[in-house]
PDB file of all heavy atoms in Angstrom:
ATOM      1  N   ARG A   1       0.825  -1.211  -0.003  1.00  0.00           N
ATOM      2  CA  ARG A   1      -0.021  -0.003  -0.008  1.00  0.00           C
ATOM      3  C   ARG A   1       0.868   1.242   0.013  1.00  0.00           C
ATOM      4  O   ARG A   1       1.969   1.247   0.542  1.00  0.00           O
ATOM      5  CB  ARG A   1      -0.938   0.008   1.187  1.00  0.00           C
ATOM      6  CG  ARG A   1      -0.275   0.331   2.508  1.00  0.00           C
ATOM      7  CD  ARG A   1      -1.285   0.278   3.624  1.00  0.00           C
ATOM      8  NE  ARG A   1      -0.576   0.481   4.899  1.00  0.00           N
ATOM      9  CZ  ARG A   1      -0.458   1.641   5.502  1.00  0.00           C
ATOM     10  NH1 ARG A   1      -0.993   2.697   4.984  1.00  0.00           N
ATOM     11  NH2 ARG A   1       0.217   1.746   6.620  1.00  0.00           N
ATOM     12  N   PRO A   2       0.379   2.325  -0.635  1.00  0.00           N
ATOM     13  CA  PRO A   2       1.183   3.546  -0.689  1.00  0.00           C
ATOM     14  C   PRO A   2       1.287   4.170   0.698  1.00  0.00           C
ATOM     15  O   PRO A   2       0.386   4.078   1.511  1.00  0.00           O
ATOM     16  CB  PRO A   2       0.443   4.427  -1.671  1.00  0.00           C
ATOM     17  CG  PRO A   2      -0.906   3.838  -1.834  1.00  0.00           C
ATOM     18  CD  PRO A   2      -0.840   2.411  -1.390  1.00  0.00           C
ATOM     19  N   GLY A   3       2.382   4.873   0.901  1.00  0.00           N
ATOM     20  CA  GLY A   3       2.616   5.546   2.168  1.00  0.00           C
ATOM     21  C   GLY A   3       1.670   6.762   2.337  1.00  0.00           C
ATOM     22  O   GLY A   3       1.135   7.290   1.349  1.00  0.00           O
ATOM     23  N   MET A   4       1.482   7.179   3.534  1.00  0.00           N
ATOM     24  CA  MET A   4       0.599   8.290   3.802  1.00  0.00           C
ATOM     25  C   MET A   4       1.294   9.632   3.568  1.00  0.00           C
ATOM     26  O   MET A   4       0.645  10.625   3.392  1.00  0.00           O
ATOM     27  CB  MET A   4       0.075   8.234   5.261  1.00  0.00           C
ATOM     28  CG  MET A   4      -0.623   6.952   5.564  1.00  0.00           C
ATOM     29  SD  MET A   4      -1.986   6.608   4.464  1.00  0.00           S
ATOM     30  CE  MET A   4      -3.214   7.725   5.128  1.00  0.00           C
ATOM     31  N   ARG A   5       2.624   9.667   3.531  1.00  0.00           N
ATOM     32  CA  ARG A   5       3.323  10.924   3.375  1.00  0.00           C
ATOM     33  C   ARG A   5       3.753  11.096   1.934  1.00  0.00           C
ATOM     34  O   ARG A   5       4.929  10.997   1.592  1.00  0.00           O
ATOM     35  CB  ARG A   5       4.552  10.934   4.305  1.00  0.00           C
ATOM     36  CG  ARG A   5       4.220  10.997   5.755  1.00  0.00           C
ATOM     37  CD  ARG A   5       5.466  11.021   6.571  1.00  0.00           C
ATOM     38  NE  ARG A   5       6.006   9.638   6.563  1.00  0.00           N
ATOM     39  CZ  ARG A   5       7.246   9.290   6.766  1.00  0.00           C
ATOM     40  NH1 ARG A   5       8.147  10.218   6.954  1.00  0.00           N
ATOM     41  NH2 ARG A   5       7.626   8.066   6.766  1.00  0.00           N
ATOM     42  N   ALA A   6       2.822  11.366   1.057  1.00  0.00           N
ATOM     43  CA  ALA A   6       3.131  11.620  -0.339  1.00  0.00           C
ATOM     44  C   ALA A   6       3.562  13.063  -0.541  1.00  0.00           C
ATOM     45  O   ALA A   6       3.059  13.922   0.148  1.00  0.00           O
ATOM     46  CB  ALA A   6       1.925  11.327  -1.220  1.00  0.00           C
ATOM     47  N   PRO A   7       4.500  13.320  -1.428  1.00  0.00           N
ATOM     48  CA  PRO A   7       4.923  14.687  -1.640  1.00  0.00           C
ATOM     49  C   PRO A   7       3.791  15.511  -2.272  1.00  0.00           C
ATOM     50  O   PRO A   7       3.072  15.005  -3.108  1.00  0.00           O
ATOM     51  CB  PRO A   7       6.090  14.545  -2.635  1.00  0.00           C
ATOM     52  CG  PRO A   7       5.942  13.221  -3.247  1.00  0.00           C
ATOM     53  CD  PRO A   7       5.210  12.351  -2.241  1.00  0.00           C
ATOM     54  N   LYS A   8       3.652  16.737  -1.848  1.00  0.00           N
ATOM     55  CA  LYS A   8       2.620  17.585  -2.351  1.00  0.00           C
ATOM     56  C   LYS A   8       3.058  18.219  -3.617  1.00  0.00           C
ATOM     57  O   LYS A   8       4.223  18.600  -3.795  1.00  0.00           O
ATOM     58  CB  LYS A   8       2.261  18.692  -1.312  1.00  0.00           C
ATOM     59  CG  LYS A   8       1.839  18.096  -0.026  1.00  0.00           C
ATOM     60  CD  LYS A   8       0.726  18.894   0.497  1.00  0.00           C
ATOM     61  CE  LYS A   8       0.302  18.190   1.801  1.00  0.00           C
ATOM     62  NZ  LYS A   8      -0.913  18.584   2.276  1.00  0.00           N
ATOM     63  N   ALA A   9       2.162  18.335  -4.573  1.00  0.00           N
ATOM     64  CA  ALA A   9       2.472  18.971  -5.876  1.00  0.00           C
ATOM     65  C   ALA A   9       2.494  20.491  -5.728  1.00  0.00           C
ATOM     66  O   ALA A   9       1.608  21.059  -5.148  1.00  0.00           O
ATOM     67  CB  ALA A   9       1.447  18.554  -6.926  1.00  0.00           C
ATOM     68  N   LYS A  10       3.552  21.073  -6.244  1.00  0.00           N
ATOM     69  CA  LYS A  10       3.640  22.534  -6.218  1.00  0.00           C
ATOM     70  C   LYS A  10       3.382  23.028  -7.636  1.00  0.00           C
ATOM     71  O   LYS A  10       4.025  22.594  -8.582  1.00  0.00           O
ATOM     72  CB  LYS A  10       5.018  22.972  -5.753  1.00  0.00           C
ATOM     73  CG  LYS A  10       5.288  22.629  -4.335  1.00  0.00           C
ATOM     74  CD  LYS A  10       6.667  23.164  -3.906  1.00  0.00           C
ATOM     75  CE  LYS A  10       6.953  22.816  -2.454  1.00  0.00           C
ATOM     76  NZ  LYS A  10       8.255  23.253  -2.070  1.00  0.00           N
ATOM     77  N   ALA A  11       2.458  23.929  -7.740  1.00  0.00           N
ATOM     78  CA  ALA A  11       2.153  24.502  -9.064  1.00  0.00           C
ATOM     79  C   ALA A  11       3.247  25.481  -9.476  1.00  0.00           C
ATOM     80  O   ALA A  11       3.702  26.283  -8.663  1.00  0.00           O
ATOM     81  CB  ALA A  11       0.806  25.202  -9.014  1.00  0.00           C
ATOM     82  N   PRO A  12       3.745  25.365 -10.690  1.00  0.00           N
ATOM     83  CA  PRO A  12       4.761  26.320 -11.109  1.00  0.00           C
ATOM     84  C   PRO A  12       4.178  27.701 -11.255  1.00  0.00           C
ATOM     85  O   PRO A  12       3.012  27.905 -11.568  1.00  0.00           O
ATOM     86  CB  PRO A  12       5.215  25.759 -12.482  1.00  0.00           C
ATOM     87  CG  PRO A  12       4.111  24.917 -12.938  1.00  0.00           C
ATOM     88  CD  PRO A  12       3.410  24.393 -11.681  1.00  0.00           C
ATOM     89  N   ARG A  13       5.034  28.699 -10.985  1.00  0.00           N
ATOM     90  CA  ARG A  13       4.549  30.075 -11.098  1.00  0.00           C
ATOM     91  C   ARG A  13       4.348  30.424 -12.556  1.00  0.00           C
ATOM     92  O   ARG A  13       5.089  29.998 -13.432  1.00  0.00           O
ATOM     93  CB  ARG A  13       5.592  31.001 -10.478  1.00  0.00           C
ATOM     94  CG  ARG A  13       5.728  30.745  -8.982  1.00  0.00           C
ATOM     95  CD  ARG A  13       6.741  31.670  -8.415  1.00  0.00           C
ATOM     96  NE  ARG A  13       6.962  31.335  -7.025  1.00  0.00           N
ATOM     97  CZ  ARG A  13       7.975  31.695  -6.331  1.00  0.00           C
ATOM     98  NH1 ARG A  13       8.902  32.421  -6.894  1.00  0.00           N
ATOM     99  NH2 ARG A  13       8.072  31.354  -5.089  1.00  0.00           N
ATOM    100  N   ALA A  14       3.311  31.239 -12.812  1.00  0.00           N
ATOM    101  CA  ALA A  14       2.963  31.596 -14.174  1.00  0.00           C
ATOM    102  C   ALA A  14       4.079  32.398 -14.867  1.00  0.00           C
ATOM    103  O   ALA A  14       4.339  32.225 -16.048  1.00  0.00           O
ATOM    104  CB  ALA A  14       1.663  32.370 -14.191  1.00  0.00           C
ATOM    105  N   GLY A  15       4.747  33.282 -14.149  1.00  0.00           N
ATOM    106  CA  GLY A  15       5.763  34.152 -14.762  1.00  0.00           C
ATOM    107  C   GLY A  15       7.106  33.506 -14.903  1.00  0.00           C
ATOM    108  O   GLY A  15       7.981  34.019 -15.586  1.00  0.00           O
ATOM    109  N   LYS A  16       7.313  32.331 -14.304  1.00  0.00           N
ATOM    110  CA  LYS A  16       8.619  31.715 -14.300  1.00  0.00           C
ATOM    111  C   LYS A  16       8.608  30.508 -15.226  1.00  0.00           C
ATOM    112  O   LYS A  16       7.835  29.587 -15.017  1.00  0.00           O
ATOM    113  CB  LYS A  16       8.924  31.252 -12.861  1.00  0.00           C
ATOM    114  CG  LYS A  16      10.376  30.912 -12.616  1.00  0.00           C
ATOM    115  CD  LYS A  16      10.489  30.539 -11.156  1.00  0.00           C
ATOM    116  CE  LYS A  16      11.909  30.747 -10.690  1.00  0.00           C
ATOM    117  NZ  LYS A  16      12.093  30.390  -9.338  1.00  0.00           N
ATOM    118  N   PRO A  17       9.446  30.466 -16.237  1.00  0.00           N
ATOM    119  CA  PRO A  17       9.426  29.315 -17.144  1.00  0.00           C
ATOM    120  C   PRO A  17      10.026  28.097 -16.473  1.00  0.00           C
ATOM    121  O   PRO A  17      10.941  28.196 -15.676  1.00  0.00           O
ATOM    122  CB  PRO A  17      10.324  29.758 -18.331  1.00  0.00           C
ATOM    123  CG  PRO A  17      11.185  30.806 -17.780  1.00  0.00           C
ATOM    124  CD  PRO A  17      10.407  31.464 -16.668  1.00  0.00           C
ATOM    125  N   THR A  18       9.482  26.929 -16.765  1.00  0.00           N
ATOM    126  CA  THR A  18      10.022  25.676 -16.224  1.00  0.00           C
ATOM    127  C   THR A  18      11.017  25.098 -17.191  1.00  0.00           C
ATOM    128  O   THR A  18      10.976  25.355 -18.388  1.00  0.00           O
ATOM    129  CB  THR A  18       8.890  24.662 -15.960  1.00  0.00           C
ATOM    130  OG1 THR A  18       8.199  24.430 -17.215  1.00  0.00           O
ATOM    131  CG2 THR A  18       7.889  25.186 -14.953  1.00  0.00           C
ATOM    132  N   THR A  19      11.917  24.256 -16.677  1.00  0.00           N
ATOM    133  CA  THR A  19      12.975  23.705 -17.506  1.00  0.00           C
ATOM    134  C   THR A  19      12.781  22.242 -17.799  1.00  0.00           C
ATOM    135  O   THR A  19      13.657  21.627 -18.359  1.00  0.00           O
ATOM    136  CB  THR A  19      14.346  23.886 -16.831  1.00  0.00           C
ATOM    137  OG1 THR A  19      14.271  23.239 -15.549  1.00  0.00           O
ATOM    138  CG2 THR A  19      14.675  25.342 -16.666  1.00  0.00           C
ATOM    139  N   GLY A  20      11.656  21.679 -17.442  1.00  0.00           N
ATOM    140  CA  GLY A  20      11.462  20.274 -17.768  1.00  0.00           C
ATOM    141  C   GLY A  20      10.651  19.547 -16.714  1.00  0.00           C
ATOM    142  O   GLY A  20      10.922  18.394 -16.458  1.00  0.00           O
ATOM    143  N   GLY A  21       9.709  20.169 -16.125  1.00  0.00           N
ATOM    144  CA  GLY A  21       8.831  19.488 -15.177  1.00  0.00           C
ATOM    145  C   GLY A  21       9.239  19.706 -13.771  1.00  0.00           C
ATOM    146  O   GLY A  21       9.305  20.830 -13.294  1.00  0.00           O
ATOM    147  N   ALA A  22       9.546  18.613 -13.065  1.00  0.00           N
ATOM    148  CA  ALA A  22       9.834  18.685 -11.618  1.00  0.00           C
ATOM    149  C   ALA A  22      11.181  19.370 -11.358  1.00  0.00           C
ATOM    150  O   ALA A  22      12.097  19.242 -12.137  1.00  0.00           O
ATOM    151  CB  ALA A  22       9.843  17.286 -11.026  1.00  0.00           C
ATOM    152  N   PRO A  23      11.264  20.095 -10.209  1.00  0.00           N
ATOM    153  CA  PRO A  23      12.538  20.715  -9.917  1.00  0.00           C
ATOM    154  C   PRO A  23      13.584  19.636  -9.564  1.00  0.00           C
ATOM    155  O   PRO A  23      13.253  18.609  -9.003  1.00  0.00           O
ATOM    156  CB  PRO A  23      12.235  21.579  -8.687  1.00  0.00           C
ATOM    157  CG  PRO A  23      10.977  21.003  -8.119  1.00  0.00           C
ATOM    158  CD  PRO A  23      10.250  20.406  -9.286  1.00  0.00           C
ATOM    159  N   ARG A  24      14.801  19.917  -9.939  1.00  0.00           N
ATOM    160  CA  ARG A  24      15.883  18.961  -9.681  1.00  0.00           C
ATOM    161  C   ARG A  24      16.375  19.113  -8.270  1.00  0.00           C
ATOM    162  O   ARG A  24      16.500  20.209  -7.752  1.00  0.00           O
ATOM    163  CB  ARG A  24      17.055  19.204 -10.657  1.00  0.00           C
ATOM    164  CG  ARG A  24      16.687  19.020 -12.096  1.00  0.00           C
ATOM    165  CD  ARG A  24      16.481  17.585 -12.325  1.00  0.00           C
ATOM    166  NE  ARG A  24      16.165  17.398 -13.753  1.00  0.00           N
ATOM    167  CZ  ARG A  24      15.953  16.225 -14.282  1.00  0.00           C
ATOM    168  NH1 ARG A  24      16.046  15.149 -13.554  1.00  0.00           N
ATOM    169  NH2 ARG A  24      15.660  16.133 -15.534  1.00  0.00           N
ATOM    170  N   PRO A  25      16.732  18.013  -7.601  1.00  0.00           N
ATOM    171  CA  PRO A  25      17.255  18.094  -6.277  1.00  0.00           C
ATOM    172  C   PRO A  25      18.694  18.634  -6.298  1.00  0.00           C
ATOM    173  O   PRO A  25      19.379  18.646  -7.293  1.00  0.00           O
ATOM    174  CB  PRO A  25      17.261  16.665  -5.760  1.00  0.00           C
ATOM    175  CG  PRO A  25      17.336  15.823  -6.987  1.00  0.00           C
ATOM    176  CD  PRO A  25      16.617  16.637  -8.063  1.00  0.00           C
ATOM    177  N   SER A  26      19.153  19.101  -5.132  1.00  0.00           N
ATOM    178  CA  SER A  26      20.527  19.619  -5.023  1.00  0.00           C
ATOM    179  C   SER A  26      21.513  18.484  -5.127  1.00  0.00           C
ATOM    180  O   SER A  26      21.158  17.317  -5.075  1.00  0.00           O
ATOM    181  CB  SER A  26      20.665  20.356  -3.709  1.00  0.00           C
ATOM    182  OG  SER A  26      20.544  19.445  -2.618  1.00  0.00           O
ATOM    183  N   GLN A  27      22.772  18.810  -5.266  1.00  0.00           N
ATOM    184  CA  GLN A  27      23.811  17.803  -5.434  1.00  0.00           C
ATOM    185  C   GLN A  27      24.115  17.092  -4.098  1.00  0.00           C
ATOM    186  O   GLN A  27      24.950  16.236  -4.062  1.00  0.00           O
ATOM    187  CB  GLN A  27      25.076  18.437  -5.950  1.00  0.00           C
ATOM    188  CG  GLN A  27      24.920  18.970  -7.360  1.00  0.00           C
ATOM    189  CD  GLN A  27      24.683  17.856  -8.386  1.00  0.00           C
ATOM    190  OE1 GLN A  27      25.073  16.733  -8.165  1.00  0.00           O
ATOM    191  NE2 GLN A  27      23.983  18.172  -9.443  1.00  0.00           N
ATOM    192  N   GLY A  28      23.445  17.432  -3.026  1.00  0.00           N
ATOM    193  CA  GLY A  28      23.715  16.861  -1.711  1.00  0.00           C
ATOM    194  C   GLY A  28      23.222  15.395  -1.567  1.00  0.00           C
ATOM    195  O   GLY A  28      23.374  14.834  -0.547  1.00  0.00           O
ATOM    196  N   GLY A  29      22.631  14.848  -2.619  1.00  0.00           N
ATOM    197  CA  GLY A  29      22.158  13.469  -2.506  1.00  0.00           C
ATOM    198  C   GLY A  29      20.771  13.365  -1.886  1.00  0.00           C
ATOM    199  O   GLY A  29      20.440  12.303  -1.407  1.00  0.00           O
ATOM    200  N   ASN A  30      19.990  14.413  -1.946  1.00  0.00           N
ATOM    201  CA  ASN A  30      18.670  14.397  -1.314  1.00  0.00           C
ATOM    202  C   ASN A  30      17.634  13.776  -2.213  1.00  0.00           C
ATOM    203  O   ASN A  30      16.547  13.448  -1.782  1.00  0.00           O
ATOM    204  CB  ASN A  30      18.245  15.799  -0.902  1.00  0.00           C
ATOM    205  CG  ASN A  30      19.154  16.373   0.187  1.00  0.00           C
ATOM    206  OD1 ASN A  30      19.731  15.631   0.912  1.00  0.00           O
ATOM    207  ND2 ASN A  30      19.255  17.694   0.207  1.00  0.00           N
ATOM    208  N   GLY A  31      17.874  13.638  -3.519  1.00  0.00           N
ATOM    209  CA  GLY A  31      16.858  13.196  -4.469  1.00  0.00           C
ATOM    210  C   GLY A  31      16.746  11.680  -4.480  1.00  0.00           C
ATOM    211  O   GLY A  31      17.524  10.932  -3.874  1.00  0.00           O
ATOM    212  N   SER A  32      15.764  11.196  -5.212  1.00  0.00           N
ATOM    213  CA  SER A  32      15.582   9.789  -5.337  1.00  0.00           C
ATOM    214  C   SER A  32      16.611   9.245  -6.329  1.00  0.00           C
ATOM    215  O   SER A  32      17.364   9.960  -6.983  1.00  0.00           O
ATOM    216  CB  SER A  32      14.192   9.485  -5.857  1.00  0.00           C
ATOM    217  OG  SER A  32      14.062   9.900  -7.215  1.00  0.00           O
ATOM    218  N   PHE A  33      16.687   7.936  -6.419  1.00  0.00           N
ATOM    219  CA  PHE A  33      17.651   7.301  -7.298  1.00  0.00           C
ATOM    220  C   PHE A  33      17.429   7.734  -8.721  1.00  0.00           C
ATOM    221  O   PHE A  33      18.354   8.053  -9.445  1.00  0.00           O
ATOM    222  CB  PHE A  33      17.516   5.760  -7.152  1.00  0.00           C
ATOM    223  CG  PHE A  33      18.387   4.994  -8.120  1.00  0.00           C
ATOM    224  CD1 PHE A  33      19.754   4.896  -7.941  1.00  0.00           C
ATOM    225  CD2 PHE A  33      17.825   4.394  -9.225  1.00  0.00           C
ATOM    226  CE1 PHE A  33      20.524   4.207  -8.810  1.00  0.00           C
ATOM    227  CE2 PHE A  33      18.604   3.696 -10.119  1.00  0.00           C
ATOM    228  CZ  PHE A  33      19.964   3.608  -9.916  1.00  0.00           C
TER     229      PHE A  33
END
């Protein structure tokens, strides 16, 4: 079963262009595999 702590979706700001969908994590190793 899926976990209860799912990440919340953040809507991109209208004035700010996106570079490819989801924001990239920092180089500190905080992102998923």
